[in-house]
Amino acid sequence: MRKIAIPTEGGILSTHFGHCKHFTLIEVKNDSIGNEIVVEAPPHEPGLLPKWLAERGVTEIISGGIGQKAINLFKSNNIIIHAGAPNKPAIELVRDLIDKRLMTGTNACDH
């Protein structure tokens, strides 16, 4: 099973990963979407989110912008990162990922 985390504001991808207010966590099994929950993000603290999300069983992240330090920490926790995603509803991003049509591009974060 895959568990995908998306930083969100009002169900839409948040543009800045480290300062989002919520994460939408979506489970995927055999390319079918399962449980979807929204959890409040902890207060911003450099380096905290990779460990916090790993403790919740997250296997992948879909993000707009994300800093290199966070990318490295996610990789050390064996979490796959899909950076540079467009601002769309979280569920649409996961459907795009499952269907292998998630458009990722330039990571909009410079730290």
PDB file of N, CA and C in Angstrom:
ATOM      1  N   MET A   1       0.841  -1.186   0.000  1.00  0.00           N
ATOM      2  CA  MET A   1       0.000   0.000   0.000  1.00  0.00           C
ATOM      3  C   MET A   1       0.881   1.243   0.000  1.00  0.00           C
ATOM      4  N   ARG A   2       0.437   2.243  -0.724  1.00  0.00           N
ATOM      5  CA  ARG A   2       1.109   3.534  -0.763  1.00  0.00           C
ATOM      6  C   ARG A   2       0.302   4.509   0.086  1.00  0.00           C
ATOM      7  N   LYS A   3       1.002   5.417   0.736  1.00  0.00           N
ATOM      8  CA  LYS A   3       0.340   6.494   1.471  1.00  0.00           C
ATOM      9  C   LYS A   3       0.990   7.788   1.005  1.00  0.00           C
ATOM     10  N   ILE A   4       0.176   8.629   0.389  1.00  0.00           N
ATOM     11  CA  ILE A   4       0.679   9.833  -0.256  1.00  0.00           C
ATOM     12  C   ILE A   4       0.237  11.053   0.539  1.00  0.00           C
ATOM     13  N   ALA A   5       1.197  11.931   0.825  1.00  0.00           N
ATOM     14  CA  ALA A   5       0.918  13.165   1.563  1.00  0.00           C
ATOM     15  C   ALA A   5       1.030  14.353   0.615  1.00  0.00           C
ATOM     16  N   ILE A   6       0.057  15.248   0.714  1.00  0.00           N
ATOM     17  CA  ILE A   6       0.046  16.464  -0.086  1.00  0.00           C
ATOM     18  C   ILE A   6      -0.180  17.640   0.858  1.00  0.00           C
ATOM     19  N   PRO A   7       0.718  18.644   0.860  1.00  0.00           N
ATOM     20  CA  PRO A   7       0.476  19.827   1.680  1.00  0.00           C
ATOM     21  C   PRO A   7      -0.694  20.603   1.066  1.00  0.00           C
ATOM     22  N   THR A   8      -1.717  20.892   1.860  1.00  0.00           N
ATOM     23  CA  THR A   8      -2.913  21.509   1.289  1.00  0.00           C
ATOM     24  C   THR A   8      -3.419  22.699   2.095  1.00  0.00           C
ATOM     25  N   GLU A   9      -4.115  23.549   1.370  1.00  0.00           N
ATOM     26  CA  GLU A   9      -4.904  24.652   1.924  1.00  0.00           C
ATOM     27  C   GLU A   9      -6.262  24.546   1.243  1.00  0.00           C
ATOM     28  N   GLY A  10      -7.296  24.267   2.013  1.00  0.00           N
ATOM     29  CA  GLY A  10      -8.632  24.138   1.441  1.00  0.00           C
ATOM     30  C   GLY A  10      -8.745  23.014   0.416  1.00  0.00           C
ATOM     31  N   GLY A  11      -7.971  21.952   0.600  1.00  0.00           N
ATOM     32  CA  GLY A  11      -8.028  20.809  -0.299  1.00  0.00           C
ATOM     33  C   GLY A  11      -7.185  20.934  -1.555  1.00  0.00           C
ATOM     34  N   ILE A  12      -6.576  22.112  -1.765  1.00  0.00           N
ATOM     35  CA  ILE A  12      -5.744  22.383  -2.945  1.00  0.00           C
ATOM     36  C   ILE A  12      -4.279  22.360  -2.526  1.00  0.00           C
ATOM     37  N   LEU A  13      -3.402  21.900  -3.418  1.00  0.00           N
ATOM     38  CA  LEU A  13      -1.971  21.873  -3.139  1.00  0.00           C
ATOM     39  C   LEU A  13      -1.484  23.231  -2.649  1.00  0.00           C
ATOM     40  N   SER A  14      -0.827  23.247  -1.506  1.00  0.00           N
ATOM     41  CA  SER A  14      -0.239  24.465  -0.944  1.00  0.00           C
ATOM     42  C   SER A  14       1.079  24.736  -1.657  1.00  0.00           C
ATOM     43  N   THR A  15       1.344  25.995  -1.960  1.00  0.00           N
ATOM     44  CA  THR A  15       2.536  26.334  -2.733  1.00  0.00           C
ATOM     45  C   THR A  15       3.831  26.215  -1.946  1.00  0.00           C
ATOM     46  N   HIS A  16       3.796  26.315  -0.635  1.00  0.00           N
ATOM     47  CA  HIS A  16       5.039  26.221   0.138  1.00  0.00           C
ATOM     48  C   HIS A  16       4.946  25.087   1.140  1.00  0.00           C
ATOM     49  N   PHE A  17       5.659  24.031   0.867  1.00  0.00           N
ATOM     50  CA  PHE A  17       5.598  22.795   1.630  1.00  0.00           C
ATOM     51  C   PHE A  17       5.782  22.990   3.132  1.00  0.00           C
ATOM     52  N   GLY A  18       6.846  23.645   3.539  1.00  0.00           N
ATOM     53  CA  GLY A  18       7.204  23.740   4.951  1.00  0.00           C
ATOM     54  C   GLY A  18       6.299  24.609   5.799  1.00  0.00           C
ATOM     55  N   HIS A  19       5.466  25.423   5.164  1.00  0.00           N
ATOM     56  CA  HIS A  19       4.610  26.331   5.931  1.00  0.00           C
ATOM     57  C   HIS A  19       3.125  26.054   5.722  1.00  0.00           C
ATOM     58  N   CYS A  20       2.785  24.867   5.223  1.00  0.00           N
ATOM     59  CA  CYS A  20       1.370  24.562   5.013  1.00  0.00           C
ATOM     60  C   CYS A  20       0.678  24.334   6.357  1.00  0.00           C
ATOM     61  N   LYS A  21      -0.627  24.504   6.359  1.00  0.00           N
ATOM     62  CA  LYS A  21      -1.401  24.326   7.589  1.00  0.00           C
ATOM     63  C   LYS A  21      -1.923  22.893   7.737  1.00  0.00           C
ATOM     64  N   HIS A  22      -2.089  22.195   6.615  1.00  0.00           N
ATOM     65  CA  HIS A  22      -2.647  20.842   6.638  1.00  0.00           C
ATOM     66  C   HIS A  22      -1.940  19.939   5.635  1.00  0.00           C
ATOM     67  N   PHE A  23      -2.046  18.652   5.880  1.00  0.00           N
ATOM     68  CA  PHE A  23      -1.635  17.641   4.915  1.00  0.00           C
ATOM     69  C   PHE A  23      -2.837  16.763   4.642  1.00  0.00           C
ATOM     70  N   THR A  24      -3.070  16.486   3.378  1.00  0.00           N
ATOM     71  CA  THR A  24      -4.059  15.494   2.999  1.00  0.00           C
ATOM     72  C   THR A  24      -3.299  14.194   2.779  1.00  0.00           C
ATOM     73  N   LEU A  25      -3.686  13.152   3.504  1.00  0.00           N
ATOM     74  CA  LEU A  25      -3.052  11.840   3.399  1.00  0.00           C
ATOM     75  C   LEU A  25      -4.021  10.907   2.687  1.00  0.00           C
ATOM     76  N   ILE A  26      -3.560  10.326   1.588  1.00  0.00           N
ATOM     77  CA  ILE A  26      -4.420   9.474   0.766  1.00  0.00           C
ATOM     78  C   ILE A  26      -3.749   8.117   0.587  1.00  0.00           C
ATOM     79  N   GLU A  27      -4.489   7.062   0.921  1.00  0.00           N
ATOM     80  CA  GLU A  27      -3.984   5.702   0.758  1.00  0.00           C
ATOM     81  C   GLU A  27      -4.344   5.180  -0.629  1.00  0.00           C
ATOM     82  N   VAL A  28      -3.395   4.465  -1.233  1.00  0.00           N
ATOM     83  CA  VAL A  28      -3.601   3.873  -2.553  1.00  0.00           C
ATOM     84  C   VAL A  28      -3.198   2.406  -2.478  1.00  0.00           C
ATOM     85  N   LYS A  29      -4.104   1.537  -2.881  1.00  0.00           N
ATOM     86  CA  LYS A  29      -3.817   0.099  -2.903  1.00  0.00           C
ATOM     87  C   LYS A  29      -4.257  -0.454  -4.252  1.00  0.00           C
ATOM     88  N   ASN A  30      -3.352  -1.140  -4.933  1.00  0.00           N
ATOM     89  CA  ASN A  30      -3.644  -1.701  -6.259  1.00  0.00           C
ATOM     90  C   ASN A  30      -4.211  -0.642  -7.206  1.00  0.00           C
ATOM     91  N   ASP A  31      -3.615   0.535  -7.178  1.00  0.00           N
ATOM     92  CA  ASP A  31      -4.013   1.666  -8.026  1.00  0.00           C
ATOM     93  C   ASP A  31      -5.439   2.153  -7.772  1.00  0.00           C
ATOM     94  N   SER A  32      -5.991   1.837  -6.604  1.00  0.00           N
ATOM     95  CA  SER A  32      -7.310   2.345  -6.209  1.00  0.00           C
ATOM     96  C   SER A  32      -7.148   3.244  -4.996  1.00  0.00           C
ATOM     97  N   ILE A  33      -7.851   4.363  -5.016  1.00  0.00           N
ATOM     98  CA  ILE A  33      -7.791   5.306  -3.905  1.00  0.00           C
ATOM     99  C   ILE A  33      -8.630   4.780  -2.754  1.00  0.00           C
ATOM    100  N   GLY A  34      -8.042   4.799  -1.568  1.00  0.00           N
ATOM    101  CA  GLY A  34      -8.724   4.347  -0.362  1.00  0.00           C
ATOM    102  C   GLY A  34      -9.010   5.516   0.561  1.00  0.00           C
ATOM    103  N   ASN A  35      -8.632   5.359   1.821  1.00  0.00           N
ATOM    104  CA  ASN A  35      -8.899   6.382   2.829  1.00  0.00           C
ATOM    105  C   ASN A  35      -8.213   7.698   2.503  1.00  0.00           C
ATOM    106  N   GLU A  36      -8.920   8.775   2.807  1.00  0.00           N
ATOM    107  CA  GLU A  36      -8.384  10.128   2.657  1.00  0.00           C
ATOM    108  C   GLU A  36      -8.664  10.867   3.958  1.00  0.00           C
ATOM    109  N   ILE A  37      -7.608  11.389   4.583  1.00  0.00           N
ATOM    110  CA  ILE A  37      -7.800  12.180   5.797  1.00  0.00           C
ATOM    111  C   ILE A  37      -6.984  13.463   5.686  1.00  0.00           C
ATOM    112  N   VAL A  38      -7.449  14.472   6.382  1.00  0.00           N
ATOM    113  CA  VAL A  38      -6.728  15.744   6.457  1.00  0.00           C
ATOM    114  C   VAL A  38      -6.249  15.900   7.891  1.00  0.00           C
ATOM    115  N   VAL A  39      -4.950  16.140   8.044  1.00  0.00           N
ATOM    116  CA  VAL A  39      -4.367  16.315   9.370  1.00  0.00           C
ATOM    117  C   VAL A  39      -3.717  17.689   9.458  1.00  0.00           C
ATOM    118  N   GLU A  40      -3.778  18.261  10.647  1.00  0.00           N
ATOM    119  CA  GLU A  40      -3.135  19.552  10.874  1.00  0.00           C
ATOM    120  C   GLU A  40      -1.629  19.352  10.942  1.00  0.00           C
ATOM    121  N   ALA A  41      -0.917  20.206  10.237  1.00  0.00           N
ATOM    122  CA  ALA A  41       0.545  20.132  10.242  1.00  0.00           C
ATOM    123  C   ALA A  41       1.082  20.665  11.566  1.00  0.00           C
ATOM    124  N   PRO A  42       2.211  20.141  12.016  1.00  0.00           N
ATOM    125  CA  PRO A  42       2.824  20.682  13.233  1.00  0.00           C
ATOM    126  C   PRO A  42       3.386  22.073  12.941  1.00  0.00           C
ATOM    127  N   PRO A  43       3.683  22.856  13.986  1.00  0.00           N
ATOM    128  CA  PRO A  43       4.298  24.171  13.761  1.00  0.00           C
ATOM    129  C   PRO A  43       5.595  24.015  12.965  1.00  0.00           C
ATOM    130  N   HIS A  44       5.891  25.016  12.134  1.00  0.00           N
ATOM    131  CA  HIS A  44       7.091  24.946  11.286  1.00  0.00           C
ATOM    132  C   HIS A  44       8.350  24.859  12.134  1.00  0.00           C
ATOM    133  N   GLU A  45       9.151  23.866  11.809  1.00  0.00           N
ATOM    134  CA  GLU A  45      10.454  23.687  12.438  1.00  0.00           C
ATOM    135  C   GLU A  45      11.323  22.980  11.407  1.00  0.00           C
ATOM    136  N   PRO A  46      12.452  23.571  11.015  1.00  0.00           N
ATOM    137  CA  PRO A  46      13.281  22.946   9.983  1.00  0.00           C
ATOM    138  C   PRO A  46      13.602  21.486  10.309  1.00  0.00           C
ATOM    139  N   GLY A  47      13.383  20.626   9.324  1.00  0.00           N
ATOM    140  CA  GLY A  47      13.715  19.212   9.465  1.00  0.00           C
ATOM    141  C   GLY A  47      12.677  18.342  10.150  1.00  0.00           C
ATOM    142  N   LEU A  48      11.596  18.922  10.663  1.00  0.00           N
ATOM    143  CA  LEU A  48      10.600  18.151  11.414  1.00  0.00           C
ATOM    144  C   LEU A  48       9.664  17.332  10.519  1.00  0.00           C
ATOM    145  N   LEU A  49       9.189  17.912   9.422  1.00  0.00           N
ATOM    146  CA  LEU A  49       8.146  17.264   8.627  1.00  0.00           C
ATOM    147  C   LEU A  49       8.527  15.894   8.062  1.00  0.00           C
ATOM    148  N   PRO A  50       9.746  15.679   7.570  1.00  0.00           N
ATOM    149  CA  PRO A  50      10.058  14.332   7.060  1.00  0.00           C
ATOM    150  C   PRO A  50       9.868  13.241   8.114  1.00  0.00           C
ATOM    151  N   LYS A  51      10.339  13.473   9.316  1.00  0.00           N
ATOM    152  CA  LYS A  51      10.183  12.478  10.386  1.00  0.00           C
ATOM    153  C   LYS A  51       8.708  12.347  10.778  1.00  0.00           C
ATOM    154  N   TRP A  52       8.026  13.464  10.915  1.00  0.00           N
ATOM    155  CA  TRP A  52       6.618  13.484  11.317  1.00  0.00           C
ATOM    156  C   TRP A  52       5.756  12.710  10.318  1.00  0.00           C
ATOM    157  N   LEU A  53       5.989  12.919   9.025  1.00  0.00           N
ATOM    158  CA  LEU A  53       5.214  12.207   8.007  1.00  0.00           C
ATOM    159  C   LEU A  53       5.611  10.731   7.929  1.00  0.00           C
ATOM    160  N   ALA A  54       6.896  10.437   8.090  1.00  0.00           N
ATOM    161  CA  ALA A  54       7.341   9.033   8.092  1.00  0.00           C
ATOM    162  C   ALA A  54       6.673   8.264   9.230  1.00  0.00           C
ATOM    163  N   GLU A  55       6.522   8.902  10.388  1.00  0.00           N
ATOM    164  CA  GLU A  55       5.865   8.260  11.529  1.00  0.00           C
ATOM    165  C   GLU A  55       4.396   7.958  11.242  1.00  0.00           C
ATOM    166  N   ARG A  56       3.817   8.642  10.279  1.00  0.00           N
ATOM    167  CA  ARG A  56       2.423   8.419   9.900  1.00  0.00           C
ATOM    168  C   ARG A  56       2.297   7.447   8.724  1.00  0.00           C
ATOM    169  N   GLY A  57       3.413   6.827   8.348  1.00  0.00           N
ATOM    170  CA  GLY A  57       3.385   5.809   7.307  1.00  0.00           C
ATOM    171  C   GLY A  57       3.414   6.323   5.881  1.00  0.00           C
ATOM    172  N   VAL A  58       3.754   7.592   5.705  1.00  0.00           N
ATOM    173  CA  VAL A  58       3.780   8.177   4.364  1.00  0.00           C
ATOM    174  C   VAL A  58       4.906   7.548   3.542  1.00  0.00           C
ATOM    175  N   THR A  59       4.582   7.193   2.293  1.00  0.00           N
ATOM    176  CA  THR A  59       5.571   6.603   1.386  1.00  0.00           C
ATOM    177  C   THR A  59       5.953   7.538   0.244  1.00  0.00           C
ATOM    178  N   GLU A  60       5.089   8.543  -0.022  1.00  0.00           N
ATOM    179  CA  GLU A  60       5.344   9.477  -1.118  1.00  0.00           C
ATOM    180  C   GLU A  60       4.794  10.854  -0.768  1.00  0.00           C
ATOM    181  N   ILE A  61       5.416  11.873  -1.359  1.00  0.00           N
ATOM    182  CA  ILE A  61       4.988  13.261  -1.198  1.00  0.00           C
ATOM    183  C   ILE A  61       4.714  13.835  -2.580  1.00  0.00           C
ATOM    184  N   ILE A  62       3.628  14.573  -2.712  1.00  0.00           N
ATOM    185  CA  ILE A  62       3.400  15.395  -3.901  1.00  0.00           C
ATOM    186  C   ILE A  62       3.491  16.834  -3.421  1.00  0.00           C
ATOM    187  N   SER A  63       4.377  17.614  -4.046  1.00  0.00           N
ATOM    188  CA  SER A  63       4.647  18.966  -3.573  1.00  0.00           C
ATOM    189  C   SER A  63       4.790  19.933  -4.740  1.00  0.00           C
ATOM    190  N   GLY A  64       4.551  21.201  -4.441  1.00  0.00           N
ATOM    191  CA  GLY A  64       4.879  22.257  -5.393  1.00  0.00           C
ATOM    192  C   GLY A  64       6.354  22.574  -5.209  1.00  0.00           C
ATOM    193  N   GLY A  65       6.642  23.417  -4.220  1.00  0.00           N
ATOM    194  CA  GLY A  65       8.022  23.748  -3.882  1.00  0.00           C
ATOM    195  C   GLY A  65       8.430  23.070  -2.592  1.00  0.00           C
ATOM    196  N   ILE A  66       9.691  22.626  -2.546  1.00  0.00           N
ATOM    197  CA  ILE A  66      10.205  21.957  -1.351  1.00  0.00           C
ATOM    198  C   ILE A  66      11.716  22.172  -1.312  1.00  0.00           C
ATOM    199  N   GLY A  67      12.238  22.482  -0.145  1.00  0.00           N
ATOM    200  CA  GLY A  67      13.660  22.766   0.007  1.00  0.00           C
ATOM    201  C   GLY A  67      14.541  21.531  -0.111  1.00  0.00           C
ATOM    202  N   GLN A  68      15.804  21.750  -0.472  1.00  0.00           N
ATOM    203  CA  GLN A  68      16.732  20.637  -0.664  1.00  0.00           C
ATOM    204  C   GLN A  68      16.976  19.871   0.629  1.00  0.00           C
ATOM    205  N   LYS A  69      17.025  20.563   1.762  1.00  0.00           N
ATOM    206  CA  LYS A  69      17.229  19.862   3.035  1.00  0.00           C
ATOM    207  C   LYS A  69      16.083  18.877   3.282  1.00  0.00           C
ATOM    208  N   ALA A  70      14.853  19.328   3.045  1.00  0.00           N
ATOM    209  CA  ALA A  70      13.692  18.445   3.224  1.00  0.00           C
ATOM    210  C   ALA A  70      13.759  17.270   2.248  1.00  0.00           C
ATOM    211  N   ILE A  71      14.144  17.532   1.001  1.00  0.00           N
ATOM    212  CA  ILE A  71      14.267  16.451   0.015  1.00  0.00           C
ATOM    213  C   ILE A  71      15.239  15.395   0.518  1.00  0.00           C
ATOM    214  N   ASN A  72      16.394  15.838   1.001  1.00  0.00           N
ATOM    215  CA  ASN A  72      17.401  14.898   1.506  1.00  0.00           C
ATOM    216  C   ASN A  72      16.880  14.103   2.695  1.00  0.00           C
ATOM    217  N   LEU A  73      16.156  14.770   3.607  1.00  0.00           N
ATOM    218  CA  LEU A  73      15.608  14.078   4.777  1.00  0.00           C
ATOM    219  C   LEU A  73      14.526  13.076   4.376  1.00  0.00           C
ATOM    220  N   PHE A  74      13.700  13.434   3.406  1.00  0.00           N
ATOM    221  CA  PHE A  74      12.691  12.485   2.927  1.00  0.00           C
ATOM    222  C   PHE A  74      13.361  11.266   2.311  1.00  0.00           C
ATOM    223  N   LYS A  75      14.383  11.491   1.506  1.00  0.00           N
ATOM    224  CA  LYS A  75      15.095  10.367   0.891  1.00  0.00           C
ATOM    225  C   LYS A  75      15.704   9.462   1.954  1.00  0.00           C
ATOM    226  N   SER A  76      16.227  10.054   3.033  1.00  0.00           N
ATOM    227  CA  SER A  76      16.816   9.232   4.098  1.00  0.00           C
ATOM    228  C   SER A  76      15.752   8.430   4.847  1.00  0.00           C
ATOM    229  N   ASN A  77      14.480   8.846   4.727  1.00  0.00           N
ATOM    230  CA  ASN A  77      13.360   8.109   5.319  1.00  0.00           C
ATOM    231  C   ASN A  77      12.655   7.233   4.277  1.00  0.00           C
ATOM    232  N   ASN A  78      13.300   7.052   3.113  1.00  0.00           N
ATOM    233  CA  ASN A  78      12.747   6.231   2.022  1.00  0.00           C
ATOM    234  C   ASN A  78      11.382   6.713   1.538  1.00  0.00           C
ATOM    235  N   ILE A  79      11.199   8.031   1.512  1.00  0.00           N
ATOM    236  CA  ILE A  79       9.957   8.627   1.017  1.00  0.00           C
ATOM    237  C   ILE A  79      10.240   9.243  -0.352  1.00  0.00           C
ATOM    238  N   ILE A  80       9.427   8.885  -1.332  1.00  0.00           N
ATOM    239  CA  ILE A  80       9.574   9.368  -2.709  1.00  0.00           C
ATOM    240  C   ILE A  80       8.954  10.754  -2.820  1.00  0.00           C
ATOM    241  N   ILE A  81       9.641  11.662  -3.532  1.00  0.00           N
ATOM    242  CA  ILE A  81       9.166  13.040  -3.680  1.00  0.00           C
ATOM    243  C   ILE A  81       8.814  13.315  -5.135  1.00  0.00           C
ATOM    244  N   HIS A  82       7.623  13.881  -5.340  1.00  0.00           N
ATOM    245  CA  HIS A  82       7.187  14.342  -6.654  1.00  0.00           C
ATOM    246  C   HIS A  82       7.050  15.862  -6.525  1.00  0.00           C
ATOM    247  N   ALA A  83       8.106  16.605  -6.880  1.00  0.00           N
ATOM    248  CA  ALA A  83       8.134  18.061  -6.682  1.00  0.00           C
ATOM    249  C   ALA A  83       7.765  18.795  -7.969  1.00  0.00           C
ATOM    250  N   GLY A  84       7.286  20.024  -7.790  1.00  0.00           N
ATOM    251  CA  GLY A  84       6.934  20.855  -8.924  1.00  0.00           C
ATOM    252  C   GLY A  84       5.547  20.574  -9.474  1.00  0.00           C
ATOM    253  N   ALA A  85       4.679  19.986  -8.653  1.00  0.00           N
ATOM    254  CA  ALA A  85       3.314  19.659  -9.089  1.00  0.00           C
ATOM    255  C   ALA A  85       2.472  20.935  -9.194  1.00  0.00           C
ATOM    256  N   PRO A  86       1.441  20.914 -10.039  1.00  0.00           N
ATOM    257  CA  PRO A  86       0.575  22.090 -10.192  1.00  0.00           C
ATOM    258  C   PRO A  86      -0.415  22.226  -9.035  1.00  0.00           C
ATOM    259  N   ASN A  87      -0.949  23.428  -8.873  1.00  0.00           N
ATOM    260  CA  ASN A  87      -1.956  23.680  -7.833  1.00  0.00           C
ATOM    261  C   ASN A  87      -3.293  23.102  -8.285  1.00  0.00           C
ATOM    262  N   LYS A  88      -3.588  21.923  -7.763  1.00  0.00           N
ATOM    263  CA  LYS A  88      -4.835  21.223  -8.067  1.00  0.00           C
ATOM    264  C   LYS A  88      -5.332  20.587  -6.780  1.00  0.00           C
ATOM    265  N   PRO A  89      -6.585  20.153  -6.744  1.00  0.00           N
ATOM    266  CA  PRO A  89      -7.063  19.413  -5.576  1.00  0.00           C
ATOM    267  C   PRO A  89      -6.215  18.163  -5.340  1.00  0.00           C
ATOM    268  N   ALA A  90      -6.006  17.834  -4.075  1.00  0.00           N
ATOM    269  CA  ALA A  90      -5.153  16.706  -3.698  1.00  0.00           C
ATOM    270  C   ALA A  90      -5.590  15.409  -4.371  1.00  0.00           C
ATOM    271  N   ILE A  91      -6.869  15.135  -4.387  1.00  0.00           N
ATOM    272  CA  ILE A  91      -7.367  13.883  -4.957  1.00  0.00           C
ATOM    273  C   ILE A  91      -7.057  13.796  -6.455  1.00  0.00           C
ATOM    274  N   GLU A  92      -7.123  14.930  -7.157  1.00  0.00           N
ATOM    275  CA  GLU A  92      -6.789  14.940  -8.586  1.00  0.00           C
ATOM    276  C   GLU A  92      -5.309  14.651  -8.798  1.00  0.00           C
ATOM    277  N   LEU A  93      -4.462  15.204  -7.928  1.00  0.00           N
ATOM    278  CA  LEU A  93      -3.026  14.948  -8.037  1.00  0.00           C
ATOM    279  C   LEU A  93      -2.717  13.466  -7.852  1.00  0.00           C
ATOM    280  N   VAL A  94      -3.383  12.839  -6.895  1.00  0.00           N
ATOM    281  CA  VAL A  94      -3.154  11.412  -6.659  1.00  0.00           C
ATOM    282  C   VAL A  94      -3.674  10.590  -7.838  1.00  0.00           C
ATOM    283  N   ARG A  95      -4.827  10.956  -8.377  1.00  0.00           N
ATOM    284  CA  ARG A  95      -5.331  10.246  -9.567  1.00  0.00           C
ATOM    285  C   ARG A  95      -4.337  10.369 -10.726  1.00  0.00           C
ATOM    286  N   ASP A  96      -3.797  11.590 -10.896  1.00  0.00           N
ATOM    287  CA  ASP A  96      -2.801  11.800 -11.951  1.00  0.00           C
ATOM    288  C   ASP A  96      -1.563  10.936 -11.713  1.00  0.00           C
ATOM    289  N   LEU A  97      -1.135  10.827 -10.456  1.00  0.00           N
ATOM    290  CA  LEU A  97       0.033  10.006 -10.126  1.00  0.00           C
ATOM    291  C   LEU A  97      -0.234   8.534 -10.451  1.00  0.00           C
ATOM    292  N   ILE A  98      -1.393   8.039 -10.045  1.00  0.00           N
ATOM    293  CA  ILE A  98      -1.762   6.643 -10.320  1.00  0.00           C
ATOM    294  C   ILE A  98      -1.789   6.379 -11.825  1.00  0.00           C
ATOM    295  N   ASP A  99      -2.344   7.342 -12.570  1.00  0.00           N
ATOM    296  CA  ASP A  99      -2.484   7.189 -14.025  1.00  0.00           C
ATOM    297  C   ASP A  99      -1.206   7.548 -14.787  1.00  0.00           C
ATOM    298  N   LYS A 100      -0.133   7.825 -14.042  1.00  0.00           N
ATOM    299  CA  LYS A 100       1.170   8.169 -14.630  1.00  0.00           C
ATOM    300  C   LYS A 100       1.100   9.405 -15.522  1.00  0.00           C
ATOM    301  N   ARG A 101       0.288  10.371 -15.099  1.00  0.00           N
ATOM    302  CA  ARG A 101       0.199  11.621 -15.854  1.00  0.00           C
ATOM    303  C   ARG A 101       0.369  12.844 -14.953  1.00  0.00           C
ATOM    304  N   LEU A 102       0.951  12.619 -13.772  1.00  0.00           N
ATOM    305  CA  LEU A 102       1.219  13.747 -12.874  1.00  0.00           C
ATOM    306  C   LEU A 102       2.305  14.610 -13.497  1.00  0.00           C
ATOM    307  N   MET A 103       1.987  15.865 -13.727  1.00  0.00           N
ATOM    308  CA  MET A 103       2.944  16.796 -14.308  1.00  0.00           C
ATOM    309  C   MET A 103       3.747  17.433 -13.180  1.00  0.00           C
ATOM    310  N   THR A 104       5.034  17.158 -13.165  1.00  0.00           N
ATOM    311  CA  THR A 104       5.925  17.814 -12.218  1.00  0.00           C
ATOM    312  C   THR A 104       6.919  18.614 -13.035  1.00  0.00           C
ATOM    313  N   GLY A 105       7.473  19.617 -12.403  1.00  0.00           N
ATOM    314  CA  GLY A 105       8.384  20.477 -13.147  1.00  0.00           C
ATOM    315  C   GLY A 105       9.377  21.121 -12.220  1.00  0.00           C
ATOM    316  N   THR A 106       9.531  22.404 -12.392  1.00  0.00           N
ATOM    317  CA  THR A 106      10.502  23.149 -11.616  1.00  0.00           C
ATOM    318  C   THR A 106      10.084  23.208 -10.165  1.00  0.00           C
ATOM    319  N   ASN A 107      11.011  22.861  -9.290  1.00  0.00           N
ATOM    320  CA  ASN A 107      10.787  22.986  -7.855  1.00  0.00           C
ATOM    321  C   ASN A 107      10.827  24.470  -7.528  1.00  0.00           C
ATOM    322  N   ALA A 108       9.716  25.012  -7.054  1.00  0.00           N
ATOM    323  CA  ALA A 108       9.595  26.450  -6.839  1.00  0.00           C
ATOM    324  C   ALA A 108      10.270  26.944  -5.567  1.00  0.00           C
ATOM    325  N   CYS A 109      10.968  26.086  -4.856  1.00  0.00           N
ATOM    326  CA  CYS A 109      11.610  26.481  -3.599  1.00  0.00           C
ATOM    327  C   CYS A 109      13.109  26.645  -3.821  1.00  0.00           C
ATOM    328  N   ASP A 110      13.681  27.694  -3.206  1.00  0.00           N
ATOM    329  CA  ASP A 110      15.109  27.946  -3.408  1.00  0.00           C
ATOM    330  C   ASP A 110      15.936  27.747  -2.149  1.00  0.00           C
ATOM    331  N   HIS A 111      15.410  27.030  -1.154  1.00  0.00           N
ATOM    332  CA  HIS A 111      16.224  26.756   0.043  1.00  0.00           C
ATOM    333  C   HIS A 111      16.059  25.330   0.505  1.00  0.00           C
TER     334      HIS A 111
END
